C-alpha atoms as a PDB file:
ATOM      1  CA  MET A   1       1.312 -31.036 -33.019  1.00  0.00           C
ATOM      2  CA  ALA A   2       2.883 -29.535 -29.886  1.00  0.00           C
ATOM      3  CA  ASP A   3       2.454 -25.820 -29.259  1.00  0.00           C
ATOM      4  CA  SER A   4       5.849 -24.311 -30.131  1.00  0.00           C
ATOM      5  CA  ARG A   5       5.162 -21.358 -27.841  1.00  0.00           C
ATOM      6  CA  LYS A   6       5.667 -23.538 -24.766  1.00  0.00           C
ATOM      7  CA  SER A   7       9.357 -24.103 -25.584  1.00  0.00           C
ATOM      8  CA  SER A   8      10.091 -20.414 -26.154  1.00  0.00           C
ATOM      9  CA  PRO A   9      11.708 -18.243 -23.454  1.00  0.00           C
ATOM     10  CA  LYS A  10       9.179 -16.403 -21.338  1.00  0.00           C
ATOM     11  CA  VAL A  11       8.979 -12.672 -21.990  1.00  0.00           C
ATOM     12  CA  ALA A  12       8.438 -10.076 -19.255  1.00  0.00           C
ATOM     13  CA  VAL A  13       7.725  -6.395 -19.872  1.00  0.00           C
ATOM     14  CA  ILE A  14       8.205  -3.986 -16.968  1.00  0.00           C
ATOM     15  CA  THR A  15       7.277  -0.301 -16.911  1.00  0.00           C
ATOM     16  CA  GLY A  16       8.916   2.215 -14.598  1.00  0.00           C
ATOM     17  CA  ALA A  17      11.951  -0.066 -14.622  1.00  0.00           C
ATOM     18  CA  SER A  18      14.754   2.479 -14.229  1.00  0.00           C
ATOM     19  CA  SER A  19      14.884   2.142 -10.437  1.00  0.00           C
ATOM     20  CA  GLY A  20      13.227   0.717  -7.333  1.00  0.00           C
ATOM     21  CA  ILE A  21      10.624  -2.023  -7.666  1.00  0.00           C
ATOM     22  CA  GLY A  22      10.808  -2.056 -11.460  1.00  0.00           C
ATOM     23  CA  ALA A  23      14.584  -2.515 -11.542  1.00  0.00           C
ATOM     24  CA  ALA A  24      14.520  -5.172  -8.808  1.00  0.00           C
ATOM     25  CA  THR A  25      11.775  -7.063 -10.625  1.00  0.00           C
ATOM     26  CA  ALA A  26      13.730  -6.982 -13.890  1.00  0.00           C
ATOM     27  CA  GLN A  27      16.779  -8.484 -12.212  1.00  0.00           C
ATOM     28  CA  MET A  28      14.789 -11.133 -10.371  1.00  0.00           C
ATOM     29  CA  LEU A  29      12.791 -12.270 -13.399  1.00  0.00           C
ATOM     30  CA  ALA A  30      15.908 -12.309 -15.570  1.00  0.00           C
ATOM     31  CA  ALA A  31      17.607 -14.543 -13.007  1.00  0.00           C
ATOM     32  CA  GLN A  32      14.711 -16.967 -13.476  1.00  0.00           C
ATOM     33  CA  GLY A  33      15.251 -17.117 -17.227  1.00  0.00           C
ATOM     34  CA  TYR A  34      12.809 -14.479 -18.459  1.00  0.00           C
ATOM     35  CA  ALA A  35      13.725 -12.264 -21.380  1.00  0.00           C
ATOM     36  CA  VAL A  36      13.072  -8.814 -19.918  1.00  0.00           C
ATOM     37  CA  TRP A  37      11.987  -5.742 -21.860  1.00  0.00           C
ATOM     38  CA  LEU A  38      12.153  -2.550 -19.849  1.00  0.00           C
ATOM     39  CA  GLY A  39      10.447   0.793 -20.265  1.00  0.00           C
ATOM     40  CA  ALA A  40      10.965   4.155 -18.525  1.00  0.00           C
ATOM     41  CA  ARG A  41      11.550   7.818 -19.283  1.00  0.00           C
ATOM     42  CA  ARG A  42      15.101   7.949 -17.891  1.00  0.00           C
ATOM     43  CA  LEU A  43      16.877   6.020 -20.647  1.00  0.00           C
ATOM     44  CA  ASP A  44      20.379   6.406 -19.188  1.00  0.00           C
ATOM     45  CA  ARG A  45      19.389   4.771 -15.897  1.00  0.00           C
ATOM     46  CA  LEU A  46      17.211   2.246 -17.696  1.00  0.00           C
ATOM     47  CA  GLN A  47      20.162   1.137 -19.820  1.00  0.00           C
ATOM     48  CA  GLU A  48      22.175   0.510 -16.656  1.00  0.00           C
ATOM     49  CA  VAL A  49      19.415  -1.730 -15.307  1.00  0.00           C
ATOM     50  CA  ALA A  50      19.100  -3.525 -18.645  1.00  0.00           C
ATOM     51  CA  LYS A  51      22.845  -4.168 -18.699  1.00  0.00           C
ATOM     52  CA  SER A  52      22.652  -5.749 -15.236  1.00  0.00           C
ATOM     53  CA  CYS A  53      20.041  -8.290 -16.351  1.00  0.00           C
ATOM     54  CA  ASP A  54      20.769  -8.723 -20.062  1.00  0.00           C
ATOM     55  CA  GLY A  55      17.508  -6.919 -20.846  1.00  0.00           C
ATOM     56  CA  ARG A  56      16.321  -4.505 -23.509  1.00  0.00           C
ATOM     57  CA  ALA A  57      15.827  -0.846 -22.625  1.00  0.00           C
ATOM     58  CA  LEU A  58      13.195   1.190 -24.472  1.00  0.00           C
ATOM     59  CA  VAL A  59      12.062   4.748 -23.833  1.00  0.00           C
ATOM     60  CA  LEU A  60       8.529   4.836 -22.446  1.00  0.00           C
ATOM     61  CA  ASP A  61       6.376   7.663 -21.141  1.00  0.00           C
ATOM     62  CA  VAL A  62       3.102   6.077 -20.050  1.00  0.00           C
ATOM     63  CA  THR A  63       1.428   9.500 -19.979  1.00  0.00           C
ATOM     64  CA  ASP A  64       1.895   9.815 -23.763  1.00  0.00           C
ATOM     65  CA  SER A  65      -0.223   7.589 -26.026  1.00  0.00           C
ATOM     66  CA  ALA A  66       2.246   7.930 -28.899  1.00  0.00           C
ATOM     67  CA  SER A  67       5.128   6.837 -26.659  1.00  0.00           C
ATOM     68  CA  VAL A  68       3.141   3.808 -25.480  1.00  0.00           C
ATOM     69  CA  ALA A  69       2.330   2.825 -29.073  1.00  0.00           C
ATOM     70  CA  ALA A  70       5.970   3.184 -30.135  1.00  0.00           C
ATOM     71  CA  PHE A  71       7.103   1.135 -27.137  1.00  0.00           C
ATOM     72  CA  ALA A  72       4.611  -1.651 -27.798  1.00  0.00           C
ATOM     73  CA  GLY A  73       5.581  -1.753 -31.456  1.00  0.00           C
ATOM     74  CA  GLN A  74       9.147  -2.744 -30.541  1.00  0.00           C
ATOM     75  CA  LEU A  75       8.163  -5.671 -28.301  1.00  0.00           C
ATOM     76  CA  PRO A  76       8.035  -9.351 -29.233  1.00  0.00           C
ATOM     77  CA  ALA A  77       4.765 -10.670 -30.678  1.00  0.00           C
ATOM     78  CA  GLY A  78       4.121 -12.655 -27.494  1.00  0.00           C
ATOM     79  CA  VAL A  79       4.449 -11.394 -23.902  1.00  0.00           C
ATOM     80  CA  ASP A  80       4.024 -13.636 -20.857  1.00  0.00           C
ATOM     81  CA  VAL A  81       4.168 -11.054 -18.087  1.00  0.00           C
ATOM     82  CA  LEU A  82       3.393  -7.339 -17.992  1.00  0.00           C
ATOM     83  CA  VAL A  83       4.317  -5.549 -14.777  1.00  0.00           C
ATOM     84  CA  ASN A  84       2.575  -2.168 -14.668  1.00  0.00           C
ATOM     85  CA  ASN A  85       4.907  -0.439 -12.242  1.00  0.00           C
ATOM     86  CA  ALA A  86       5.115   3.123 -13.596  1.00  0.00           C
ATOM     87  CA  GLY A  87       3.509   5.712 -11.336  1.00  0.00           C
ATOM     88  CA  GLY A  88       4.016   7.362  -7.970  1.00  0.00           C
ATOM     89  CA  ALA A  89       2.880  10.130  -5.654  1.00  0.00           C
ATOM     90  CA  LEU A  90       3.399  13.880  -5.846  1.00  0.00           C
ATOM     91  CA  GLY A  91       2.960  16.214  -2.904  1.00  0.00           C
ATOM     92  CA  LEU A  92       0.990  15.844   0.296  1.00  0.00           C
ATOM     93  CA  GLU A  93      -1.539  18.668   0.051  1.00  0.00           C
ATOM     94  CA  SER A  94      -5.044  18.607   1.449  1.00  0.00           C
ATOM     95  CA  ILE A  95      -7.997  18.586  -0.929  1.00  0.00           C
ATOM     96  CA  ALA A  96      -8.728  22.212   0.023  1.00  0.00           C
ATOM     97  CA  ALA A  97      -5.207  23.118  -1.112  1.00  0.00           C
ATOM     98  CA  MET A  98      -4.916  20.636  -3.975  1.00  0.00           C
ATOM     99  CA  ASP A  99      -2.276  21.155  -6.637  1.00  0.00           C
ATOM    100  CA  GLU A 100      -4.115  20.336  -9.866  1.00  0.00           C
ATOM    101  CA  ALA A 101      -0.878  19.743 -11.752  1.00  0.00           C
ATOM    102  CA  HIS A 102       0.137  17.105  -9.208  1.00  0.00           C
ATOM    103  CA  TRP A 103      -3.237  15.385  -9.384  1.00  0.00           C
ATOM    104  CA  LEU A 104      -3.322  15.388 -13.176  1.00  0.00           C
ATOM    105  CA  GLU A 105       0.182  13.928 -13.405  1.00  0.00           C
ATOM    106  CA  MET A 106      -0.633  11.221 -10.845  1.00  0.00           C
ATOM    107  CA  PHE A 107      -3.781  10.178 -12.705  1.00  0.00           C
ATOM    108  CA  GLN A 108      -1.926  10.197 -16.017  1.00  0.00           C
ATOM    109  CA  SER A 109       0.839   7.898 -14.767  1.00  0.00           C
ATOM    110  CA  ASN A 110      -0.875   5.675 -12.201  1.00  0.00           C
ATOM    111  CA  VAL A 111      -4.269   5.200 -13.855  1.00  0.00           C
ATOM    112  CA  LEU A 112      -4.419   6.204 -17.510  1.00  0.00           C
ATOM    113  CA  GLY A 113      -0.837   5.100 -18.111  1.00  0.00           C
ATOM    114  CA  LEU A 114      -1.566   1.661 -16.708  1.00  0.00           C
ATOM    115  CA  ALA A 115      -4.653   1.379 -18.903  1.00  0.00           C
ATOM    116  CA  ARG A 116      -2.780   2.586 -22.009  1.00  0.00           C
ATOM    117  CA  VAL A 117       0.025   0.069 -21.649  1.00  0.00           C
ATOM    118  CA  THR A 118      -2.356  -2.783 -20.885  1.00  0.00           C
ATOM    119  CA  ARG A 119      -4.488  -1.963 -23.922  1.00  0.00           C
ATOM    120  CA  ALA A 120      -1.417  -1.792 -26.161  1.00  0.00           C
ATOM    121  CA  LEU A 121      -0.033  -5.129 -24.949  1.00  0.00           C
ATOM    122  CA  TYR A 122      -3.340  -7.007 -24.792  1.00  0.00           C
ATOM    123  CA  PRO A 123      -2.841  -8.826 -28.153  1.00  0.00           C
ATOM    124  CA  ARG A 124       0.715  -9.758 -27.164  1.00  0.00           C
ATOM    125  CA  LEU A 125      -0.440 -11.131 -23.819  1.00  0.00           C
ATOM    126  CA  LEU A 126      -2.953 -13.329 -25.624  1.00  0.00           C
ATOM    127  CA  ALA A 127      -0.027 -14.627 -27.699  1.00  0.00           C
ATOM    128  CA  ALA A 128       2.147 -15.380 -24.648  1.00  0.00           C
ATOM    129  CA  PRO A 129       4.901 -17.943 -25.414  1.00  0.00           C
ATOM    130  CA  SER A 130       3.839 -19.893 -22.299  1.00  0.00           C
ATOM    131  CA  GLY A 131       0.208 -19.954 -23.433  1.00  0.00           C
ATOM    132  CA  VAL A 132      -1.002 -17.820 -20.495  1.00  0.00           C
ATOM    133  CA  GLY A 133      -0.434 -14.064 -20.227  1.00  0.00           C
ATOM    134  CA  HIS A 134      -0.198 -12.379 -16.834  1.00  0.00           C
ATOM    135  CA  VAL A 135      -0.726  -8.714 -15.911  1.00  0.00           C
ATOM    136  CA  VAL A 136       0.693  -7.571 -12.572  1.00  0.00           C
ATOM    137  CA  ASN A 137      -0.478  -4.133 -11.461  1.00  0.00           C
ATOM    138  CA  ILE A 138       1.546  -2.416  -8.751  1.00  0.00           C
ATOM    139  CA  GLY A 139      -0.953  -0.765  -6.456  1.00  0.00           C
ATOM    140  CA  SER A 140      -0.499   0.291  -2.846  1.00  0.00           C
ATOM    141  CA  VAL A 141      -2.009   0.004   0.601  1.00  0.00           C
ATOM    142  CA  ALA A 142      -3.258   3.476  -0.389  1.00  0.00           C
ATOM    143  CA  GLY A 143      -5.732   1.617  -2.585  1.00  0.00           C
ATOM    144  CA  HIS A 144      -7.329   0.213   0.570  1.00  0.00           C
ATOM    145  CA  GLU A 145      -7.025   3.181   2.946  1.00  0.00           C
ATOM    146  CA  THR A 146      -7.016   6.970   2.876  1.00  0.00           C
ATOM    147  CA  TYR A 147      -5.065   9.511   4.877  1.00  0.00           C
ATOM    148  CA  PRO A 148      -4.911  13.306   5.262  1.00  0.00           C
ATOM    149  CA  GLY A 149      -2.966  14.866   2.430  1.00  0.00           C
ATOM    150  CA  GLY A 150      -3.166  11.763   0.297  1.00  0.00           C
ATOM    151  CA  GLY A 151      -6.435  12.404  -1.509  1.00  0.00           C
ATOM    152  CA  GLY A 152      -4.975  12.483  -5.002  1.00  0.00           C
ATOM    153  CA  TYR A 153      -2.687   9.478  -4.589  1.00  0.00           C
ATOM    154  CA  THR A 154      -5.209   7.314  -2.738  1.00  0.00           C
ATOM    155  CA  ALA A 155      -7.811   8.097  -5.392  1.00  0.00           C
ATOM    156  CA  CYS A 156      -5.355   6.899  -8.024  1.00  0.00           C
ATOM    157  CA  LYS A 157      -4.575   3.667  -6.232  1.00  0.00           C
ATOM    158  CA  HIS A 158      -8.249   2.986  -5.541  1.00  0.00           C
ATOM    159  CA  ALA A 159      -8.677   3.384  -9.304  1.00  0.00           C
ATOM    160  CA  VAL A 160      -5.915   0.843  -9.901  1.00  0.00           C
ATOM    161  CA  ARG A 161      -7.873  -1.653  -7.802  1.00  0.00           C
ATOM    162  CA  ALA A 162     -10.983  -0.949  -9.877  1.00  0.00           C
ATOM    163  CA  LEU A 163      -9.054  -1.458 -13.119  1.00  0.00           C
ATOM    164  CA  THR A 164      -7.518  -4.680 -11.849  1.00  0.00           C
ATOM    165  CA  GLU A 165     -10.880  -6.130 -10.854  1.00  0.00           C
ATOM    166  CA  THR A 166     -12.413  -5.034 -14.160  1.00  0.00           C
ATOM    167  CA  MET A 167      -9.648  -6.745 -16.134  1.00  0.00           C
ATOM    168  CA  ARG A 168     -10.321  -9.959 -14.270  1.00  0.00           C
ATOM    169  CA  LEU A 169     -14.031  -9.740 -15.084  1.00  0.00           C
ATOM    170  CA  GLU A 170     -13.617  -8.760 -18.722  1.00  0.00           C
ATOM    171  CA  TRP A 171     -11.001 -11.425 -19.395  1.00  0.00           C
ATOM    172  CA  LEU A 172     -12.748 -14.302 -17.655  1.00  0.00           C
ATOM    173  CA  GLY A 173     -12.385 -17.407 -19.821  1.00  0.00           C
ATOM    174  CA  GLN A 174      -9.354 -16.053 -21.697  1.00  0.00           C
ATOM    175  CA  PRO A 175      -5.784 -17.326 -21.147  1.00  0.00           C
ATOM    176  CA  LEU A 176      -4.933 -14.334 -18.954  1.00  0.00           C
ATOM    177  CA  ARG A 177      -4.174 -13.844 -15.271  1.00  0.00           C
ATOM    178  CA  VAL A 178      -4.376 -10.591 -13.302  1.00  0.00           C
ATOM    179  CA  THR A 179      -2.630  -9.825 -10.013  1.00  0.00           C
ATOM    180  CA  GLU A 180      -2.373  -6.691  -7.898  1.00  0.00           C
ATOM    181  CA  ILE A 181       0.580  -6.167  -5.548  1.00  0.00           C
ATOM    182  CA  ASP A 182      -0.100  -3.559  -2.844  1.00  0.00           C
ATOM    183  CA  PRO A 183       3.015  -2.523  -0.885  1.00  0.00           C
ATOM    184  CA  GLY A 184       3.153  -0.514   2.285  1.00  0.00           C
ATOM    185  CA  LEU A 185       6.207   1.539   3.246  1.00  0.00           C
ATOM    186  CA  ALA A 186       9.066   0.562   0.929  1.00  0.00           C
ATOM    187  CA  ASP A 187      12.407   2.349   0.862  1.00  0.00           C
ATOM    188  CA  THR A 188      12.657   3.270  -2.814  1.00  0.00           C
ATOM    189  CA  GLU A 189      12.661   6.645  -4.589  1.00  0.00           C
ATOM    190  CA  PHE A 190       8.914   6.928  -3.879  1.00  0.00           C
ATOM    191  CA  SER A 191       9.188   9.510  -1.078  1.00  0.00           C
ATOM    192  CA  LEU A 192      12.060  11.353  -2.731  1.00  0.00           C
ATOM    193  CA  VAL A 193       9.874  11.899  -5.792  1.00  0.00           C
ATOM    194  CA  ARG A 194       6.827  12.747  -3.690  1.00  0.00           C
ATOM    195  CA  PHE A 195       8.716  15.489  -1.891  1.00  0.00           C
ATOM    196  CA  ALA A 196      10.392  16.901  -5.021  1.00  0.00           C
ATOM    197  CA  GLY A 197      13.884  15.672  -4.173  1.00  0.00           C
ATOM    198  CA  ASP A 198      13.877  16.729  -0.510  1.00  0.00           C
ATOM    199  CA  ALA A 199      16.079  13.913   0.819  1.00  0.00           C
ATOM    200  CA  GLY A 200      15.697  14.954   4.466  1.00  0.00           C
ATOM    201  CA  ARG A 201      11.921  14.920   4.319  1.00  0.00           C
ATOM    202  CA  ALA A 202      11.939  11.628   2.430  1.00  0.00           C
ATOM    203  CA  ALA A 203      14.202  10.012   5.026  1.00  0.00           C
ATOM    204  CA  GLN A 204      11.783  10.954   7.805  1.00  0.00           C
ATOM    205  CA  VAL A 205       9.152   8.675   6.250  1.00  0.00           C
ATOM    206  CA  TYR A 206      11.280   5.653   7.183  1.00  0.00           C
ATOM    207  CA  ALA A 207      12.889   6.997  10.363  1.00  0.00           C
ATOM    208  CA  GLY A 208      12.954   4.625  13.339  1.00  0.00           C
ATOM    209  CA  MET A 209      11.402   1.673  11.488  1.00  0.00           C
ATOM    210  CA  THR A 210      12.464  -1.035   9.074  1.00  0.00           C
ATOM    211  CA  PRO A 211      10.716  -0.544   5.714  1.00  0.00           C
ATOM    212  CA  LEU A 212      10.316  -2.988   2.887  1.00  0.00           C
ATOM    213  CA  THR A 213      12.880  -3.018   0.110  1.00  0.00           C
ATOM    214  CA  ALA A 214      12.317  -3.120  -3.634  1.00  0.00           C
ATOM    215  CA  THR A 215      13.570  -6.708  -3.559  1.00  0.00           C
ATOM    216  CA  ASP A 216      10.818  -7.673  -1.112  1.00  0.00           C
ATOM    217  CA  ILE A 217       8.195  -6.517  -3.603  1.00  0.00           C
ATOM    218  CA  ALA A 218       9.971  -8.117  -6.547  1.00  0.00           C
ATOM    219  CA  ASP A 219      10.014 -11.403  -4.667  1.00  0.00           C
ATOM    220  CA  ALA A 220       6.223 -11.242  -4.259  1.00  0.00           C
ATOM    221  CA  ILE A 221       5.837 -10.526  -7.980  1.00  0.00           C
ATOM    222  CA  LEU A 222       8.074 -13.467  -8.856  1.00  0.00           C
ATOM    223  CA  TRP A 223       6.060 -15.787  -6.610  1.00  0.00           C
ATOM    224  CA  ALA A 224       2.763 -14.688  -8.164  1.00  0.00           C
ATOM    225  CA  VAL A 225       3.871 -15.120 -11.775  1.00  0.00           C
ATOM    226  CA  THR A 226       5.469 -18.516 -11.181  1.00  0.00           C
ATOM    227  CA  ARG A 227       2.345 -20.233  -9.795  1.00  0.00           C
ATOM    228  CA  PRO A 228       0.845 -23.014 -11.943  1.00  0.00           C
ATOM    229  CA  ALA A 229      -1.048 -21.711 -14.976  1.00  0.00           C
ATOM    230  CA  HIS A 230      -4.467 -22.543 -13.490  1.00  0.00           C
ATOM    231  CA  VAL A 231      -3.744 -20.494 -10.345  1.00  0.00           C
ATOM    232  CA  ASN A 232      -4.489 -16.745 -10.178  1.00  0.00           C
ATOM    233  CA  ILE A 233      -3.152 -14.736  -7.243  1.00  0.00           C
ATOM    234  CA  ASP A 234      -5.689 -11.933  -7.096  1.00  0.00           C
ATOM    235  CA  GLU A 235      -3.976  -9.647  -4.619  1.00  0.00           C
ATOM    236  CA  ILE A 236      -1.017  -9.450  -2.267  1.00  0.00           C
ATOM    237  CA  ILE A 237      -0.901  -6.780   0.432  1.00  0.00           C
ATOM    238  CA  ILE A 238       2.654  -6.586   1.732  1.00  0.00           C
ATOM    239  CA  LYS A 239       3.714  -4.313   4.582  1.00  0.00           C
ATOM    240  CA  PRO A 240       6.715  -4.101   6.888  1.00  0.00           C
ATOM    241  CA  ARG A 241       6.220  -5.625  10.309  1.00  0.00           C
ATOM    242  CA  ASP A 242       6.498  -2.120  11.763  1.00  0.00           C
ATOM    243  CA  GLN A 243       3.426  -0.899   9.861  1.00  0.00           C
ATOM    244  CA  ALA A 244      -0.174  -1.751  10.721  1.00  0.00           C
ATOM    245  CA  ARG A 245      -1.922   0.907   8.632  1.00  0.00           C
ATOM    246  CA  VAL A 246      -0.800   3.778   6.417  1.00  0.00           C
ATOM    247  CA  ASP A 247      -0.570   6.092   9.434  1.00  0.00           C
ATOM    248  CA  LYS A 248       0.106   3.491  12.140  1.00  0.00           C
ATOM    249  CA  VAL A 249       3.853   2.865  12.185  1.00  0.00           C
ATOM    250  CA  PHE A 250       5.982   1.669  15.083  1.00  0.00           C
ATOM    251  CA  ARG A 251       9.124   3.773  15.323  1.00  0.00           C
ATOM    252  CA  ARG A 252      12.075   3.066  17.561  1.00  0.00           C
ATOM    253  CA  PRO A 253      13.834   5.924  19.347  1.00  0.00           C
END
């Protein structure tokens, strides 16, 4: 008897989907026929994104175990793709002047939040309608490099790399794929959030150069999840042409 799951629509779940990379990924996957289920704290903005891609918007705070459990409980029994996008950076203080609240929030969202959501959706990924579940973790070039003032954030993104590699080891032989997407400078709300809404300071991050867009990252995610089922794209590092390293950026006058 044929596996009925293979004829079902593919299901994608995206965290941090109210803006930026998450929103762009939702729209791109929906355009490819995925049923998209979106999670974020800002429900009003999330509902706007969901409306644009015929998706479902559900409140999700990845730093809260109860919120993650409630979110997972509303999802379909089978999930083909989980995009762990929730997270971000806060502040740019040195280790000697670290803001513990910033560090704790970054670890809660980038690291523990990713692990919580993955744990909650693990049974659903095993029951993927396509027969193969796929976890895509959004990391950063900060998971490969460090820079002054970035100790907390780079530690988080190094941890994301460790989690990604551990998933791949622990799930070897199971119908699961694991990919990490590591963007460089991308013009999203990332810097605006990092600098507590200081639009001028955020704009300086991208001054004189051409950064990536959220759509650029979403396109890489789409490519990774649409490879043949036997193919696993371990990692994609994607940077703008104007960036060689985190702190090596070509800027035009």
